[in-house]
Amino acid sequence: MIGFIYFILDNLIGLAILAIIVSAVLSWLVAFNVINLRNQLVYGVARFLDAVTTPIMRPVQRFIPPLGGVDISPIIVILILQGIRGYLLPWLFSPLLRLIG
């Protein structure tokens, strides 16, 4: 059961990282007028990604303002999530997995 919880948390963090990357790329494509938000599919995807990533990004965006019009908060959040995924989760779960394994 502990291994399953670790698997779920690890993959949720991975999906959050992927959503942040896709959201950033989508915002660039919209900003450079490559795709248009008037398309219902693009609009739906953008709204979904915004709803998923905004709660993750907002705390960092409060402390780090855009630098020269460029928002670097996705990079900071991805680094934090990668640190949690690569170091914190294994550190938290390794005693539990050794205990049952």
N, C-alpha and C. Protein backbone atom coordinates (compact mmCIF):
# COMPACT_ATOMS: atom_id res chain seq x y z
N MET A 1 0.82 -1.20 0.00
CA MET A 1 0.00 0.00 0.00
C MET A 1 0.86 1.26 0.00
N ILE A 2 1.97 1.24 0.74
CA ILE A 2 2.86 2.39 0.80
C ILE A 2 3.47 2.64 -0.57
N GLY A 3 3.86 1.58 -1.25
CA GLY A 3 4.43 1.71 -2.59
C GLY A 3 3.43 2.31 -3.57
N PHE A 4 2.18 1.96 -3.43
CA PHE A 4 1.13 2.51 -4.29
C PHE A 4 0.95 4.00 -4.05
N ILE A 5 0.96 4.42 -2.78
CA ILE A 5 0.83 5.85 -2.47
C ILE A 5 2.02 6.62 -3.03
N TYR A 6 3.21 6.05 -2.89
CA TYR A 6 4.40 6.68 -3.47
C TYR A 6 4.26 6.82 -4.99
N PHE A 7 3.79 5.77 -5.64
CA PHE A 7 3.59 5.77 -7.08
C PHE A 7 2.60 6.86 -7.49
N ILE A 8 1.50 6.98 -6.78
CA ILE A 8 0.47 7.98 -7.10
C ILE A 8 1.03 9.39 -6.92
N LEU A 9 1.70 9.67 -5.80
CA LEU A 9 2.25 11.00 -5.55
C LEU A 9 3.32 11.36 -6.58
N ASP A 10 4.18 10.41 -6.90
CA ASP A 10 5.23 10.65 -7.88
C ASP A 10 4.64 10.99 -9.25
N ASN A 11 3.63 10.26 -9.65
CA ASN A 11 3.02 10.52 -10.95
C ASN A 11 2.17 11.79 -10.96
N LEU A 12 1.55 12.15 -9.85
CA LEU A 12 0.82 13.41 -9.79
C LEU A 12 1.76 14.60 -9.93
N ILE A 13 2.93 14.50 -9.31
CA ILE A 13 3.92 15.57 -9.47
C ILE A 13 4.41 15.62 -10.91
N GLY A 14 4.61 14.46 -11.52
CA GLY A 14 5.01 14.43 -12.93
C GLY A 14 3.96 15.05 -13.84
N LEU A 15 2.70 14.77 -13.57
CA LEU A 15 1.63 15.37 -14.37
C LEU A 15 1.54 16.88 -14.15
N ALA A 16 1.80 17.34 -12.94
CA ALA A 16 1.80 18.78 -12.67
C ALA A 16 2.92 19.46 -13.44
N ILE A 17 4.08 18.84 -13.49
CA ILE A 17 5.21 19.40 -14.25
C ILE A 17 4.84 19.46 -15.73
N LEU A 18 4.27 18.40 -16.24
CA LEU A 18 3.86 18.38 -17.65
C LEU A 18 2.82 19.45 -17.94
N ALA A 19 1.85 19.63 -17.04
CA ALA A 19 0.82 20.65 -17.23
C ALA A 19 1.42 22.05 -17.23
N ILE A 20 2.41 22.29 -16.39
CA ILE A 20 3.07 23.61 -16.36
C ILE A 20 3.81 23.86 -17.67
N ILE A 21 4.51 22.87 -18.17
CA ILE A 21 5.25 23.02 -19.42
C ILE A 21 4.29 23.27 -20.58
N VAL A 22 3.24 22.48 -20.67
CA VAL A 22 2.26 22.63 -21.77
C VAL A 22 1.57 23.99 -21.67
N SER A 23 1.25 24.41 -20.46
CA SER A 23 0.61 25.71 -20.27
C SER A 23 1.52 26.85 -20.71
N ALA A 24 2.80 26.76 -20.38
CA ALA A 24 3.75 27.80 -20.79
C ALA A 24 3.90 27.84 -22.31
N VAL A 25 4.02 26.69 -22.93
CA VAL A 25 4.15 26.64 -24.39
C VAL A 25 2.88 27.16 -25.05
N LEU A 26 1.73 26.78 -24.53
CA LEU A 26 0.46 27.25 -25.08
C LEU A 26 0.34 28.77 -24.96
N SER A 27 0.78 29.32 -23.83
CA SER A 27 0.70 30.77 -23.67
C SER A 27 1.63 31.49 -24.65
N TRP A 28 2.79 30.89 -24.94
CA TRP A 28 3.69 31.48 -25.94
C TRP A 28 3.05 31.43 -27.33
N LEU A 29 2.42 30.29 -27.65
CA LEU A 29 1.79 30.16 -28.97
C LEU A 29 0.65 31.16 -29.14
N VAL A 30 -0.09 31.39 -28.07
CA VAL A 30 -1.17 32.39 -28.12
C VAL A 30 -0.57 33.80 -28.23
N ALA A 31 0.48 34.07 -27.46
CA ALA A 31 1.09 35.40 -27.47
C ALA A 31 1.68 35.75 -28.83
N PHE A 32 2.25 34.76 -29.52
CA PHE A 32 2.85 35.01 -30.83
C PHE A 32 1.85 34.78 -31.97
N ASN A 33 0.57 34.62 -31.62
CA ASN A 33 -0.52 34.50 -32.58
C ASN A 33 -0.36 33.30 -33.52
N VAL A 34 0.23 32.24 -33.00
CA VAL A 34 0.33 31.00 -33.77
C VAL A 34 -0.99 30.24 -33.70
N ILE A 35 -1.58 30.24 -32.51
CA ILE A 35 -2.92 29.66 -32.34
C ILE A 35 -3.82 30.73 -31.73
N ASN A 36 -5.11 30.51 -31.85
CA ASN A 36 -6.07 31.52 -31.45
C ASN A 36 -7.01 30.95 -30.39
N LEU A 37 -7.28 31.73 -29.37
CA LEU A 37 -8.19 31.28 -28.31
C LEU A 37 -9.65 31.27 -28.74
N ARG A 38 -9.96 31.79 -29.93
CA ARG A 38 -11.34 31.72 -30.42
C ARG A 38 -11.70 30.29 -30.83
N ASN A 39 -10.70 29.46 -31.08
CA ASN A 39 -10.95 28.04 -31.34
C ASN A 39 -11.41 27.40 -30.03
N GLN A 40 -12.54 26.73 -30.04
CA GLN A 40 -13.13 26.18 -28.82
C GLN A 40 -12.24 25.13 -28.17
N LEU A 41 -11.57 24.30 -28.95
CA LEU A 41 -10.68 23.28 -28.39
C LEU A 41 -9.50 23.93 -27.69
N VAL A 42 -8.87 24.89 -28.34
CA VAL A 42 -7.73 25.59 -27.74
C VAL A 42 -8.17 26.32 -26.48
N TYR A 43 -9.32 26.96 -26.53
CA TYR A 43 -9.84 27.69 -25.39
C TYR A 43 -10.10 26.74 -24.21
N GLY A 44 -10.68 25.59 -24.50
CA GLY A 44 -10.96 24.61 -23.45
C GLY A 44 -9.70 24.07 -22.81
N VAL A 45 -8.71 23.76 -23.64
CA VAL A 45 -7.44 23.26 -23.13
C VAL A 45 -6.75 24.34 -22.30
N ALA A 46 -6.77 25.57 -22.77
CA ALA A 46 -6.13 26.67 -22.04
C ALA A 46 -6.81 26.90 -20.70
N ARG A 47 -8.13 26.86 -20.67
CA ARG A 47 -8.86 27.05 -19.41
C ARG A 47 -8.57 25.92 -18.43
N PHE A 48 -8.53 24.69 -18.93
CA PHE A 48 -8.23 23.55 -18.06
C PHE A 48 -6.82 23.66 -17.48
N LEU A 49 -5.85 23.95 -18.35
CA LEU A 49 -4.47 24.08 -17.87
C LEU A 49 -4.33 25.24 -16.89
N ASP A 50 -5.03 26.32 -17.14
CA ASP A 50 -4.99 27.45 -16.23
C ASP A 50 -5.58 27.08 -14.87
N ALA A 51 -6.67 26.33 -14.88
CA ALA A 51 -7.30 25.91 -13.62
C ALA A 51 -6.39 24.95 -12.84
N VAL A 52 -5.63 24.13 -13.54
CA VAL A 52 -4.75 23.18 -12.88
C VAL A 52 -3.47 23.84 -12.38
N THR A 53 -2.89 24.73 -13.17
CA THR A 53 -1.58 25.27 -12.83
C THR A 53 -1.62 26.52 -11.96
N THR A 54 -2.70 27.28 -11.99
CA THR A 54 -2.76 28.52 -11.22
C THR A 54 -2.57 28.29 -9.72
N PRO A 55 -3.23 27.31 -9.09
CA PRO A 55 -2.99 27.11 -7.65
C PRO A 55 -1.54 26.72 -7.32
N ILE A 56 -0.87 26.08 -8.24
CA ILE A 56 0.53 25.69 -8.01
C ILE A 56 1.44 26.89 -8.21
N MET A 57 1.15 27.72 -9.19
CA MET A 57 2.03 28.82 -9.57
C MET A 57 1.83 30.08 -8.73
N ARG A 58 0.66 30.32 -8.24
CA ARG A 58 0.34 31.58 -7.56
C ARG A 58 1.25 31.91 -6.37
N PRO A 59 1.56 30.95 -5.48
CA PRO A 59 2.44 31.32 -4.35
C PRO A 59 3.82 31.81 -4.81
N VAL A 60 4.35 31.23 -5.86
CA VAL A 60 5.67 31.65 -6.35
C VAL A 60 5.54 32.98 -7.07
N GLN A 61 4.46 33.19 -7.79
CA GLN A 61 4.28 34.44 -8.53
C GLN A 61 4.10 35.63 -7.59
N ARG A 62 3.65 35.39 -6.37
CA ARG A 62 3.54 36.48 -5.40
C ARG A 62 4.91 37.01 -4.99
N PHE A 63 5.90 36.12 -4.92
CA PHE A 63 7.23 36.51 -4.47
C PHE A 63 8.17 36.88 -5.60
N ILE A 64 7.96 36.31 -6.78
CA ILE A 64 8.85 36.57 -7.91
C ILE A 64 8.05 37.24 -9.02
N PRO A 65 8.20 38.54 -9.17
CA PRO A 65 7.46 39.23 -10.25
C PRO A 65 8.11 38.93 -11.60
N PRO A 66 7.37 39.16 -12.68
CA PRO A 66 7.96 38.97 -14.01
C PRO A 66 9.18 39.88 -14.19
N LEU A 67 10.22 39.32 -14.78
CA LEU A 67 11.45 40.07 -15.03
C LEU A 67 11.46 40.52 -16.48
N GLY A 68 11.30 41.80 -16.71
CA GLY A 68 11.27 42.32 -18.07
C GLY A 68 10.13 41.78 -18.89
N GLY A 69 9.01 41.50 -18.26
CA GLY A 69 7.86 40.97 -18.96
C GLY A 69 7.89 39.46 -19.14
N VAL A 70 8.94 38.80 -18.63
CA VAL A 70 9.06 37.34 -18.74
C VAL A 70 8.80 36.73 -17.37
N ASP A 71 7.86 35.83 -17.31
CA ASP A 71 7.50 35.16 -16.06
C ASP A 71 8.39 33.94 -15.89
N ILE A 72 9.27 33.97 -14.89
CA ILE A 72 10.16 32.83 -14.65
C ILE A 72 9.63 31.89 -13.58
N SER A 73 8.43 32.17 -13.07
CA SER A 73 7.87 31.32 -12.02
C SER A 73 7.66 29.87 -12.46
N PRO A 74 7.32 29.57 -13.73
CA PRO A 74 7.22 28.16 -14.10
C PRO A 74 8.54 27.41 -13.92
N ILE A 75 9.65 28.06 -14.20
CA ILE A 75 10.95 27.41 -14.03
C ILE A 75 11.20 27.12 -12.56
N ILE A 76 10.90 28.10 -11.70
CA ILE A 76 11.10 27.92 -10.26
C ILE A 76 10.21 26.81 -9.73
N VAL A 77 8.95 26.80 -10.14
CA VAL A 77 8.01 25.77 -9.66
C VAL A 77 8.43 24.39 -10.16
N ILE A 78 8.88 24.28 -11.39
CA ILE A 78 9.33 22.99 -11.91
C ILE A 78 10.55 22.50 -11.13
N LEU A 79 11.49 23.39 -10.82
CA LEU A 79 12.65 23.00 -10.02
C LEU A 79 12.23 22.52 -8.63
N ILE A 80 11.29 23.22 -8.02
CA ILE A 80 10.81 22.81 -6.69
C ILE A 80 10.12 21.44 -6.77
N LEU A 81 9.25 21.26 -7.77
CA LEU A 81 8.55 19.98 -7.92
C LEU A 81 9.52 18.85 -8.22
N GLN A 82 10.54 19.11 -9.03
CA GLN A 82 11.55 18.08 -9.31
C GLN A 82 12.33 17.73 -8.05
N GLY A 83 12.62 18.74 -7.22
CA GLY A 83 13.29 18.46 -5.95
C GLY A 83 12.43 17.62 -5.03
N ILE A 84 11.15 17.94 -4.97
CA ILE A 84 10.24 17.13 -4.15
C ILE A 84 10.18 15.71 -4.68
N ARG A 85 10.08 15.59 -5.98
CA ARG A 85 9.96 14.28 -6.61
C ARG A 85 11.23 13.45 -6.49
N GLY A 86 12.38 14.11 -6.63
CA GLY A 86 13.63 13.36 -6.65
C GLY A 86 14.25 13.13 -5.29
N TYR A 87 13.99 14.03 -4.33
CA TYR A 87 14.67 13.93 -3.04
C TYR A 87 13.72 13.77 -1.86
N LEU A 88 12.67 14.58 -1.80
CA LEU A 88 11.79 14.55 -0.63
C LEU A 88 10.94 13.29 -0.57
N LEU A 89 10.30 12.91 -1.68
CA LEU A 89 9.47 11.70 -1.67
C LEU A 89 10.28 10.45 -1.33
N PRO A 90 11.42 10.21 -2.00
CA PRO A 90 12.19 9.02 -1.61
C PRO A 90 12.66 9.06 -0.16
N TRP A 91 13.02 10.25 0.33
CA TRP A 91 13.47 10.37 1.72
C TRP A 91 12.33 10.06 2.69
N LEU A 92 11.12 10.53 2.36
CA LEU A 92 9.98 10.28 3.23
C LEU A 92 9.53 8.83 3.20
N PHE A 93 9.59 8.22 2.03
CA PHE A 93 9.03 6.88 1.88
C PHE A 93 10.05 5.76 2.08
N SER A 94 11.34 6.03 2.04
CA SER A 94 12.32 4.95 2.17
C SER A 94 12.25 4.23 3.51
N PRO A 95 12.08 4.93 4.66
CA PRO A 95 11.95 4.17 5.91
C PRO A 95 10.69 3.29 5.93
N LEU A 96 9.62 3.80 5.35
CA LEU A 96 8.38 3.02 5.33
C LEU A 96 8.50 1.80 4.44
N LEU A 97 9.16 1.96 3.29
CA LEU A 97 9.32 0.84 2.38
C LEU A 97 10.28 -0.20 2.95
N ARG A 98 11.32 0.23 3.69
CA ARG A 98 12.23 -0.72 4.34
C ARG A 98 11.54 -1.45 5.48
N LEU A 99 10.62 -0.75 6.14
CA LEU A 99 9.91 -1.34 7.27
C LEU A 99 9.03 -2.51 6.82
N ILE A 100 8.35 -2.32 5.68
CA ILE A 100 7.44 -3.38 5.22
C ILE A 100 8.11 -4.37 4.29
N GLY A 101 9.25 -3.97 3.71
CA GLY A 101 9.89 -4.80 2.68
C GLY A 101 10.91 -5.70 3.21
